[in-house]
Each structure stands twice: as C-alpha cells, then as structure tokens.
Amino acid sequence: MNVNSTHHTFYAPHPPSSKLSDVEVPKSTMQSASIQVQISDNAKYAQEKWQSIANQYDVHNISDAEAGAMSRELFDSGFINTTQMMILMAPSSMDGSQLKKHDLLNDMKHTFKLSNALGGHTQASKNAHASAINILERLDETKQTG
C-alpha cells in the first residue's frame, strides 16, 4: 500500500577525498591532544541535589513520612517520574504509623521478589517497581560513597 505517493530525491554528500588537506596541523598539537569535558551548571546542580537527597535520607532506616518527602524531592528535582514517586511513597503497612522506621530498600526488594513469584506484576508494573528499587540502590550507594 502506498500511503504517500510523493517522491523525494535525497542527495548524499560526496565521500571525503583521500587527498590530504592543504592545511597543516603543527606536530606539537597532534602529539599532545587531550579532551576536556565541561559540566554545565545544571548538571552540577543536579549532581549536588542528588547528593543532598542521598545524604538526607537513609533508605535502610526511614519512616513512611520521610519516604514520602524523599520521593517528592526526587520527583520535584526531575529524578523520578510520577509512577516511581507513587511506588516510593506507598505506605509500608496498614497500621497507620507514618513515623515508624523501616528498611525501605530491603522491604521493597522482598515484596518485589514475592510478587514476582506469585505472578503479581504485569510487565509494566515489574519495570516500574524495578526502577524504583534501582533509584533506592543508587541513593544508598551515593550516601555510602559521598
């Protein structure tokens, strides 16, 4: 089936010639070539914000209230999406205690493993939960190395 009957002709650029350029590059420049990378101010800010969040929260000893605040900070900073935020701020139990500390990272890993064994996840749900766990692992690693 021909959806668009218009024909377009594209012209490819000529291949580079094998002839050497008339411009000479000084040998000293060629011998001491180096690459410098400059990190933008936005990237520096993002890195500092990530480190700040990692330092502020302990994913192995965190209350539901703190997990909610942490996930909100991650979301507001653009590190996670809405789905990940909702997963991270889900209550750890139904007893209503928002201040009781728990090991969020290991609890989520355990719950994820059980849910998978019971077939409790769609592929999209599995990906979303795995990415939320990955975020917690990266925060924990940043806290330990930072």
N, C-alpha and C. Protein backbone atom coordinates (compact mmCIF):
# COMPACT_ATOMS: atom_id res chain seq x y z
N MET A 1 0.85 -1.17 0.00
CA MET A 1 0.00 0.00 0.00
C MET A 1 0.90 1.23 0.00
N ASN A 2 0.60 2.16 -0.87
CA ASN A 2 1.37 3.38 -0.98
C ASN A 2 0.60 4.49 -0.27
N VAL A 3 1.06 4.87 0.90
CA VAL A 3 0.38 5.89 1.69
C VAL A 3 0.67 7.27 1.15
N ASN A 4 1.88 7.52 0.73
CA ASN A 4 2.27 8.83 0.25
C ASN A 4 2.88 8.67 -1.13
N SER A 5 2.21 9.18 -2.12
CA SER A 5 2.69 8.98 -3.48
C SER A 5 3.74 10.00 -3.90
N THR A 6 4.05 10.96 -3.06
CA THR A 6 5.06 11.95 -3.38
C THR A 6 6.44 11.30 -3.36
N HIS A 7 7.25 11.59 -4.34
CA HIS A 7 8.60 11.04 -4.39
C HIS A 7 9.59 12.13 -4.02
N HIS A 8 10.57 11.75 -3.23
CA HIS A 8 11.61 12.68 -2.83
C HIS A 8 12.95 12.12 -3.26
N THR A 9 13.81 13.02 -3.70
CA THR A 9 15.16 12.61 -4.05
C THR A 9 16.10 13.21 -3.02
N PHE A 10 16.92 12.36 -2.44
CA PHE A 10 17.89 12.81 -1.47
C PHE A 10 19.27 12.67 -2.07
N TYR A 11 20.08 13.67 -1.86
CA TYR A 11 21.43 13.65 -2.37
C TYR A 11 22.40 13.48 -1.20
N ALA A 12 23.21 12.48 -1.28
CA ALA A 12 24.21 12.25 -0.24
C ALA A 12 25.41 13.12 -0.52
N PRO A 13 26.09 13.60 0.52
CA PRO A 13 27.29 14.40 0.30
C PRO A 13 28.37 13.53 -0.33
N HIS A 14 29.27 14.19 -1.00
CA HIS A 14 30.36 13.45 -1.61
C HIS A 14 31.21 12.81 -0.53
N PRO A 15 31.71 11.60 -0.78
CA PRO A 15 32.58 10.98 0.22
C PRO A 15 33.85 11.79 0.38
N PRO A 16 34.43 11.78 1.57
CA PRO A 16 35.66 12.56 1.77
C PRO A 16 36.76 12.04 0.86
N SER A 17 37.54 12.98 0.34
CA SER A 17 38.60 12.56 -0.57
C SER A 17 39.75 12.00 0.23
N SER A 18 40.51 11.15 -0.39
CA SER A 18 41.65 10.56 0.28
C SER A 18 42.86 11.49 0.21
N LYS A 19 42.72 12.58 -0.54
CA LYS A 19 43.80 13.54 -0.67
C LYS A 19 43.96 14.32 0.63
N LEU A 20 45.17 14.53 1.08
CA LEU A 20 45.42 15.27 2.30
C LEU A 20 45.01 16.73 2.13
N SER A 21 44.61 17.31 3.20
CA SER A 21 44.18 18.70 3.21
C SER A 21 45.38 19.61 3.00
N ASP A 22 45.11 20.81 2.51
CA ASP A 22 46.17 21.80 2.33
C ASP A 22 46.54 22.47 3.65
N VAL A 23 45.77 22.21 4.70
CA VAL A 23 46.03 22.82 5.99
C VAL A 23 46.96 21.91 6.78
N GLU A 24 48.02 22.51 7.28
CA GLU A 24 48.97 21.72 8.08
C GLU A 24 48.66 21.91 9.56
N VAL A 25 48.66 20.81 10.30
CA VAL A 25 48.46 20.85 11.74
C VAL A 25 49.82 20.69 12.37
N PRO A 26 50.19 21.62 13.25
CA PRO A 26 51.50 21.50 13.89
C PRO A 26 51.63 20.17 14.64
N LYS A 27 52.80 19.57 14.55
CA LYS A 27 53.03 18.27 15.18
C LYS A 27 52.82 18.33 16.69
N SER A 28 53.19 19.43 17.32
CA SER A 28 53.04 19.52 18.77
C SER A 28 51.57 19.43 19.17
N THR A 29 50.67 19.95 18.35
CA THR A 29 49.24 19.87 18.63
C THR A 29 48.76 18.43 18.51
N MET A 30 49.26 17.74 17.52
CA MET A 30 48.84 16.37 17.30
C MET A 30 49.38 15.45 18.39
N GLN A 31 50.52 15.72 18.90
CA GLN A 31 51.12 14.83 19.89
C GLN A 31 50.54 15.00 21.27
N SER A 32 50.10 16.18 21.61
CA SER A 32 49.62 16.41 22.97
C SER A 32 48.12 16.70 23.00
N ALA A 33 47.38 15.99 22.20
CA ALA A 33 45.94 16.20 22.17
C ALA A 33 45.32 15.67 23.46
N SER A 34 44.38 16.41 24.00
CA SER A 34 43.66 15.98 25.20
C SER A 34 42.21 16.40 25.07
N ILE A 35 41.38 15.74 25.84
CA ILE A 35 39.95 16.04 25.81
C ILE A 35 39.58 16.65 27.15
N GLN A 36 38.90 17.78 27.08
CA GLN A 36 38.40 18.41 28.29
C GLN A 36 36.88 18.38 28.24
N VAL A 37 36.29 18.00 29.35
CA VAL A 37 34.84 17.96 29.44
C VAL A 37 34.41 19.01 30.45
N GLN A 38 33.47 19.81 30.05
CA GLN A 38 32.96 20.83 30.95
C GLN A 38 31.54 20.47 31.33
N ILE A 39 31.28 20.38 32.63
CA ILE A 39 29.95 20.05 33.11
C ILE A 39 29.15 21.34 33.26
N SER A 40 27.95 21.32 32.73
CA SER A 40 27.12 22.52 32.80
C SER A 40 26.71 22.81 34.23
N ASP A 41 26.29 24.03 34.47
CA ASP A 41 25.81 24.42 35.79
C ASP A 41 24.60 23.60 36.19
N ASN A 42 23.73 23.28 35.23
CA ASN A 42 22.55 22.46 35.52
C ASN A 42 22.95 21.06 35.96
N ALA A 43 23.95 20.49 35.30
CA ALA A 43 24.41 19.15 35.66
C ALA A 43 25.05 19.17 37.05
N LYS A 44 25.81 20.22 37.33
CA LYS A 44 26.42 20.34 38.67
C LYS A 44 25.34 20.46 39.74
N TYR A 45 24.33 21.27 39.45
CA TYR A 45 23.23 21.43 40.41
C TYR A 45 22.52 20.09 40.62
N ALA A 46 22.26 19.37 39.55
CA ALA A 46 21.58 18.08 39.66
C ALA A 46 22.41 17.10 40.48
N GLN A 47 23.70 17.08 40.25
CA GLN A 47 24.59 16.20 41.00
C GLN A 47 24.58 16.58 42.49
N GLU A 48 24.65 17.86 42.77
CA GLU A 48 24.62 18.33 44.16
C GLU A 48 23.27 18.01 44.82
N LYS A 49 22.19 18.18 44.08
CA LYS A 49 20.85 17.89 44.61
C LYS A 49 20.71 16.41 44.91
N TRP A 50 21.19 15.56 44.00
CA TRP A 50 21.14 14.11 44.21
C TRP A 50 21.91 13.73 45.47
N GLN A 51 23.11 14.30 45.62
CA GLN A 51 23.95 14.02 46.79
C GLN A 51 23.26 14.49 48.06
N SER A 52 22.62 15.64 48.00
CA SER A 52 21.91 16.19 49.16
C SER A 52 20.77 15.27 49.59
N ILE A 53 20.01 14.78 48.63
CA ILE A 53 18.90 13.86 48.94
C ILE A 53 19.46 12.57 49.53
N ALA A 54 20.51 12.04 48.93
CA ALA A 54 21.13 10.80 49.43
C ALA A 54 21.63 10.98 50.86
N ASN A 55 22.21 12.14 51.15
CA ASN A 55 22.73 12.40 52.50
C ASN A 55 21.63 12.59 53.53
N GLN A 56 20.51 13.12 53.08
CA GLN A 56 19.41 13.45 53.99
C GLN A 56 18.59 12.23 54.41
N TYR A 57 18.50 11.22 53.54
CA TYR A 57 17.63 10.08 53.82
C TYR A 57 18.43 8.78 53.85
N ASP A 58 18.07 7.91 54.78
CA ASP A 58 18.68 6.59 54.88
C ASP A 58 17.64 5.57 54.43
N VAL A 59 17.81 5.01 53.25
CA VAL A 59 16.81 4.10 52.69
C VAL A 59 16.71 2.79 53.48
N HIS A 60 17.65 2.56 54.40
CA HIS A 60 17.61 1.38 55.25
C HIS A 60 17.00 1.67 56.63
N ASN A 61 16.71 2.94 56.89
CA ASN A 61 16.12 3.34 58.17
C ASN A 61 15.31 4.61 57.95
N ILE A 62 14.10 4.43 57.44
CA ILE A 62 13.30 5.58 57.01
C ILE A 62 11.83 5.34 57.37
N SER A 63 11.15 6.40 57.77
CA SER A 63 9.71 6.30 58.06
C SER A 63 8.93 6.54 56.77
N ASP A 64 7.65 6.20 56.81
CA ASP A 64 6.80 6.45 55.64
C ASP A 64 6.72 7.95 55.34
N ALA A 65 6.68 8.76 56.39
CA ALA A 65 6.63 10.22 56.21
C ALA A 65 7.90 10.70 55.50
N GLU A 66 9.04 10.19 55.94
CA GLU A 66 10.31 10.56 55.31
C GLU A 66 10.39 10.04 53.87
N ALA A 67 9.90 8.82 53.65
CA ALA A 67 9.91 8.26 52.30
C ALA A 67 9.04 9.10 51.36
N GLY A 68 7.93 9.61 51.89
CA GLY A 68 7.07 10.48 51.10
C GLY A 68 7.77 11.78 50.74
N ALA A 69 8.45 12.36 51.73
CA ALA A 69 9.19 13.61 51.49
C ALA A 69 10.34 13.38 50.51
N MET A 70 11.04 12.25 50.68
CA MET A 70 12.16 11.93 49.79
C MET A 70 11.68 11.75 48.35
N SER A 71 10.60 10.99 48.19
CA SER A 71 10.11 10.75 46.83
C SER A 71 9.62 12.05 46.19
N ARG A 72 9.05 12.92 46.99
CA ARG A 72 8.60 14.22 46.47
C ARG A 72 9.79 15.06 46.02
N GLU A 73 10.87 15.05 46.81
CA GLU A 73 12.08 15.78 46.43
C GLU A 73 12.68 15.21 45.14
N LEU A 74 12.72 13.89 45.05
CA LEU A 74 13.25 13.25 43.84
C LEU A 74 12.42 13.63 42.62
N PHE A 75 11.10 13.63 42.80
CA PHE A 75 10.19 13.99 41.70
C PHE A 75 10.35 15.46 41.31
N ASP A 76 10.33 16.34 42.31
CA ASP A 76 10.44 17.78 42.04
C ASP A 76 11.78 18.13 41.39
N SER A 77 12.80 17.34 41.66
CA SER A 77 14.12 17.57 41.07
C SER A 77 14.27 16.92 39.70
N GLY A 78 13.26 16.17 39.27
CA GLY A 78 13.28 15.56 37.95
C GLY A 78 14.01 14.23 37.88
N PHE A 79 14.28 13.61 39.03
CA PHE A 79 15.00 12.35 39.04
C PHE A 79 14.10 11.13 38.83
N ILE A 80 12.82 11.27 39.18
CA ILE A 80 11.88 10.16 39.04
C ILE A 80 10.59 10.67 38.41
N ASN A 81 9.82 9.72 37.87
CA ASN A 81 8.53 10.08 37.28
C ASN A 81 7.41 9.88 38.31
N THR A 82 6.20 10.17 37.93
CA THR A 82 5.05 10.08 38.83
C THR A 82 4.85 8.66 39.34
N THR A 83 4.97 7.68 38.47
CA THR A 83 4.78 6.28 38.88
C THR A 83 5.79 5.88 39.93
N GLN A 84 7.05 6.20 39.69
CA GLN A 84 8.09 5.87 40.67
C GLN A 84 7.84 6.57 42.00
N MET A 85 7.39 7.82 41.93
CA MET A 85 7.09 8.57 43.15
C MET A 85 5.99 7.87 43.94
N MET A 86 4.95 7.44 43.27
CA MET A 86 3.84 6.77 43.96
C MET A 86 4.28 5.45 44.58
N ILE A 87 5.16 4.72 43.90
CA ILE A 87 5.67 3.46 44.44
C ILE A 87 6.49 3.73 45.70
N LEU A 88 7.36 4.72 45.64
CA LEU A 88 8.23 5.01 46.77
C LEU A 88 7.50 5.58 47.97
N MET A 89 6.38 6.25 47.73
CA MET A 89 5.67 6.83 48.87
C MET A 89 4.49 5.98 49.35
N ALA A 90 4.37 4.78 48.80
CA ALA A 90 3.30 3.88 49.27
C ALA A 90 3.56 3.49 50.72
N PRO A 91 2.52 3.43 51.54
CA PRO A 91 2.72 3.09 52.95
C PRO A 91 3.31 1.69 53.11
N SER A 92 4.18 1.52 54.11
CA SER A 92 4.82 0.23 54.33
C SER A 92 3.91 -0.75 55.06
N SER A 93 2.93 -0.23 55.77
CA SER A 93 1.99 -1.10 56.47
C SER A 93 0.65 -0.38 56.61
N MET A 94 -0.33 -1.11 57.04
CA MET A 94 -1.67 -0.54 57.19
C MET A 94 -1.98 -0.12 58.62
N ASP A 95 -0.97 -0.15 59.50
CA ASP A 95 -1.23 0.22 60.90
C ASP A 95 -1.31 1.73 61.10
N GLY A 96 -1.02 2.50 60.08
CA GLY A 96 -1.18 3.95 60.16
C GLY A 96 -0.03 4.70 60.77
N SER A 97 1.02 4.03 61.17
CA SER A 97 2.16 4.70 61.78
C SER A 97 3.09 5.25 60.70
N GLN A 98 3.01 6.54 60.48
CA GLN A 98 3.83 7.21 59.48
C GLN A 98 5.26 7.45 59.96
N LEU A 99 5.48 7.32 61.27
CA LEU A 99 6.78 7.67 61.83
C LEU A 99 7.66 6.46 62.18
N LYS A 100 7.11 5.26 62.10
CA LYS A 100 7.88 4.06 62.40
C LYS A 100 8.91 3.83 61.30
N LYS A 101 10.16 3.66 61.71
CA LYS A 101 11.26 3.48 60.75
C LYS A 101 11.30 2.03 60.28
N HIS A 102 11.72 1.85 59.04
CA HIS A 102 11.86 0.52 58.46
C HIS A 102 12.92 0.57 57.37
N ASP A 103 13.30 -0.59 56.87
CA ASP A 103 14.30 -0.71 55.81
C ASP A 103 13.56 -0.72 54.47
N LEU A 104 13.35 0.45 53.92
CA LEU A 104 12.57 0.59 52.69
C LEU A 104 13.17 -0.19 51.54
N LEU A 105 14.47 -0.09 51.34
CA LEU A 105 15.09 -0.76 50.20
C LEU A 105 14.92 -2.28 50.28
N ASN A 106 15.29 -2.87 51.41
CA ASN A 106 15.17 -4.33 51.52
C ASN A 106 13.73 -4.79 51.58
N ASP A 107 12.84 -4.00 52.18
CA ASP A 107 11.41 -4.34 52.18
C ASP A 107 10.87 -4.36 50.76
N MET A 108 11.24 -3.36 49.97
CA MET A 108 10.76 -3.32 48.58
C MET A 108 11.32 -4.47 47.76
N LYS A 109 12.58 -4.81 47.97
CA LYS A 109 13.18 -5.95 47.26
C LYS A 109 12.45 -7.24 47.61
N HIS A 110 12.18 -7.43 48.90
CA HIS A 110 11.50 -8.64 49.36
C HIS A 110 10.08 -8.72 48.77
N THR A 111 9.35 -7.63 48.86
CA THR A 111 7.99 -7.60 48.33
C THR A 111 7.98 -7.83 46.82
N PHE A 112 8.93 -7.24 46.14
CA PHE A 112 9.03 -7.40 44.68
C PHE A 112 9.28 -8.86 44.33
N LYS A 113 10.18 -9.50 45.07
CA LYS A 113 10.50 -10.90 44.81
C LYS A 113 9.28 -11.79 45.04
N LEU A 114 8.55 -11.55 46.13
CA LEU A 114 7.34 -12.33 46.42
C LEU A 114 6.27 -12.11 45.35
N SER A 115 6.05 -10.87 44.98
CA SER A 115 5.04 -10.57 43.97
C SER A 115 5.36 -11.22 42.64
N ASN A 116 6.63 -11.22 42.27
CA ASN A 116 7.03 -11.87 41.02
C ASN A 116 6.79 -13.37 41.09
N ALA A 117 7.13 -13.97 42.23
CA ALA A 117 6.95 -15.41 42.39
C ALA A 117 5.47 -15.80 42.29
N LEU A 118 4.60 -14.90 42.74
CA LEU A 118 3.16 -15.17 42.70
C LEU A 118 2.50 -14.67 41.42
N GLY A 119 3.31 -14.08 40.53
CA GLY A 119 2.76 -13.56 39.28
C GLY A 119 1.95 -12.30 39.48
N GLY A 120 2.31 -11.51 40.47
CA GLY A 120 1.52 -10.33 40.83
C GLY A 120 1.84 -9.07 40.06
N HIS A 121 2.72 -9.15 39.07
CA HIS A 121 3.09 -7.94 38.32
C HIS A 121 2.86 -8.12 36.82
N THR A 122 2.36 -7.08 36.21
CA THR A 122 2.38 -7.01 34.75
C THR A 122 3.80 -6.61 34.38
N GLN A 123 4.14 -6.67 33.12
CA GLN A 123 5.49 -6.26 32.72
C GLN A 123 5.74 -4.79 33.03
N ALA A 124 4.74 -3.95 32.81
CA ALA A 124 4.89 -2.51 33.10
C ALA A 124 5.08 -2.29 34.61
N SER A 125 4.31 -3.00 35.41
CA SER A 125 4.42 -2.88 36.86
C SER A 125 5.78 -3.39 37.33
N LYS A 126 6.22 -4.48 36.74
CA LYS A 126 7.53 -5.05 37.09
C LYS A 126 8.64 -4.04 36.79
N ASN A 127 8.57 -3.40 35.62
CA ASN A 127 9.57 -2.40 35.24
C ASN A 127 9.55 -1.19 36.16
N ALA A 128 8.35 -0.74 36.51
CA ALA A 128 8.22 0.44 37.38
C ALA A 128 8.78 0.15 38.77
N HIS A 129 8.45 -1.00 39.33
CA HIS A 129 8.96 -1.35 40.66
C HIS A 129 10.48 -1.58 40.63
N ALA A 130 10.96 -2.23 39.59
CA ALA A 130 12.41 -2.46 39.49
C ALA A 130 13.15 -1.12 39.38
N SER A 131 12.59 -0.17 38.65
CA SER A 131 13.26 1.13 38.51
C SER A 131 13.22 1.90 39.83
N ALA A 132 12.14 1.77 40.60
CA ALA A 132 12.06 2.43 41.91
C ALA A 132 13.10 1.82 42.86
N ILE A 133 13.26 0.51 42.82
CA ILE A 133 14.27 -0.15 43.64
C ILE A 133 15.66 0.31 43.22
N ASN A 134 15.86 0.44 41.91
CA ASN A 134 17.15 0.91 41.40
C ASN A 134 17.47 2.31 41.90
N ILE A 135 16.48 3.18 41.97
CA ILE A 135 16.66 4.54 42.50
C ILE A 135 17.14 4.46 43.95
N LEU A 136 16.49 3.62 44.75
CA LEU A 136 16.88 3.48 46.16
C LEU A 136 18.31 2.94 46.28
N GLU A 137 18.65 1.97 45.43
CA GLU A 137 20.00 1.42 45.47
C GLU A 137 21.04 2.49 45.12
N ARG A 138 20.73 3.31 44.13
CA ARG A 138 21.66 4.38 43.74
C ARG A 138 21.79 5.43 44.84
N LEU A 139 20.67 5.76 45.51
CA LEU A 139 20.74 6.70 46.64
C LEU A 139 21.61 6.13 47.75
N ASP A 140 21.41 4.85 48.05
CA ASP A 140 22.20 4.20 49.10
C ASP A 140 23.68 4.20 48.74
N GLU A 141 24.00 3.89 47.51
CA GLU A 141 25.39 3.88 47.05
C GLU A 141 25.99 5.29 47.11
N THR A 142 25.23 6.29 46.71
CA THR A 142 25.70 7.66 46.75
C THR A 142 25.96 8.10 48.19
N LYS A 143 25.07 7.70 49.09
CA LYS A 143 25.23 8.06 50.51
C LYS A 143 26.51 7.44 51.06
N GLN A 144 26.78 6.21 50.68
CA GLN A 144 27.95 5.50 51.20
C GLN A 144 29.26 6.03 50.63
N THR A 145 29.25 6.42 49.36
CA THR A 145 30.48 6.88 48.71
C THR A 145 30.67 8.38 48.78
N GLY A 146 29.58 9.11 49.05
CA GLY A 146 29.64 10.56 49.00
C GLY A 146 30.15 11.13 50.24
